[in-house]
Amino acid sequence: MRFRILATQDGQNLVTLPVDADNVKAAERAVQQQGYAVISVSGALPTLRFSARDRKFPLALFSHELRSLLDAGLTLPEAMSALVEKEARPAVRRVLEGVHTELMQGSSFSAALAGQEAAFPALFVASIRASERTGDLPEALGRYLAYEQQTDAVRKKVIGASVYPAILIGVGLLVALFLLVYVVPRFASVYEDSGRDLPWMSALMLGWGRFLDAHALTVALGVVAAVALAVYSVSLQSVRAAVERRLLAVPRIGERMRVYQLARLYRTLGMLLRGGMPAVQAMRNAAPLLRPELRERLAQAQSGVEHGRAMSDALEASGLTTPVALRMLRVGERTGRMHELMERIAGYYEDDTARSIEWFTRLFEPILMLVIGGMIGGIVLLMYMPIFDLAGSLR
């Protein structure tokens, strides 16, 4: 983003400096490093980016490289300096330089990362902050990498299961659109010249073909506007939340979505507890990953733990467990292996979600093929029905 900063260097003359940075703190820090005192910051305008790769900070790659450098014996400032020197992408380099500068000025690593909130999520910062108390930063980075790999595995299964149906729907709609826009109007002109009465469904479809032929530009603009409106609506948080609420009301789909959210919750809590973070703080840091209604339930469970309740009882009272999970949580409390049992619960939920996705895909794809095939076949049949009638009359 581009910021316009009002600053002074000698306490008298004011200057206005345009600065490209990821956030306000980074913009102020860049100006202060040049010897200016910041008066005000305004004009946060998005700068042009040419690819998604420039917009998103490669957190997994950063964690892997930093862990490798630390395991090789480099100190944290040396490792950050090496990462800055090898980075060629300007946006990523600015983030790394900001973190390195904060470290050299005496800030803790977690505080330096928190200053770059656009690049480092709160969960990653919380994991690093917990490791600073135990001194196991490489292990914390490894835990976060494992956490990302597990969550990405479920996400990739969902995306992979939706690719084939999306392609099938897209191709089917394109074929149907080609028939309706190009083929049907030509059939309509042929049947008009014949002067024969047509079956009412064929006449209706051919009337649609004549309408498209006469108003092709208007219809094309309407389709483009509808697609643009649909894409814009999907980008709105309120629309996505409304769709999600509707899906949650569907019995089996809503239960699957709840199980997926619980898997994320237990995976996150297990990672933070393994890193030495207290239970209350771990629950606080895991809250942003949940939907609003589950976030409220987690806040209730957190309040119960703060008042001395066992975590298993607090989660059960808030509706954040299942019978299997509750038994495993109580075993974890008795044995002192709560983090391990939470990770096992998350794995169990993730496997259950994967099985549900596979079952749904196997059932949905044949149904979708039948629907699309029936739609295209119906259009072709309605176009040829007058020809069949004509052939029958000749016999």
Foldseek 3Di string as FASTA:
>chain_A
DWKWWWWAQPVPDIDIDIDDAQDDLLRCVVVVVVRIGTDDIDDPDDDDDDDVVLQAAPLLVVLVQLLVVVVVPDDNLVSLVVVLVVDDRVHNNSLSVQLSVCVVVPDDSLVSNVSNCSHDPLLLSLLCVLLVVVVPNSVSSVLVSVLVVLLVVLVVLLVVLVPVVVVLVVVLVVLLCCCQAPVLQVLLVVVVVVPDDAPPVLVVSSVSSVVCVVPVVVVVVVVVVVVVVVVVLVVDPVSVVVVLVVQLVPVPSVVLVLLLQLLQLLSQQLSSVVSVDDNLVSLVSSLVSHDPLVSVLSVQLSVVVVVPDQSLVSCVVSVSADPVLSVLCVVCVVVVNNSVSSNVSSVVSSVVSSVVSVVCSVVVVVVSVVVSVVSSVVSVCSSCVVVVVVVVVVD
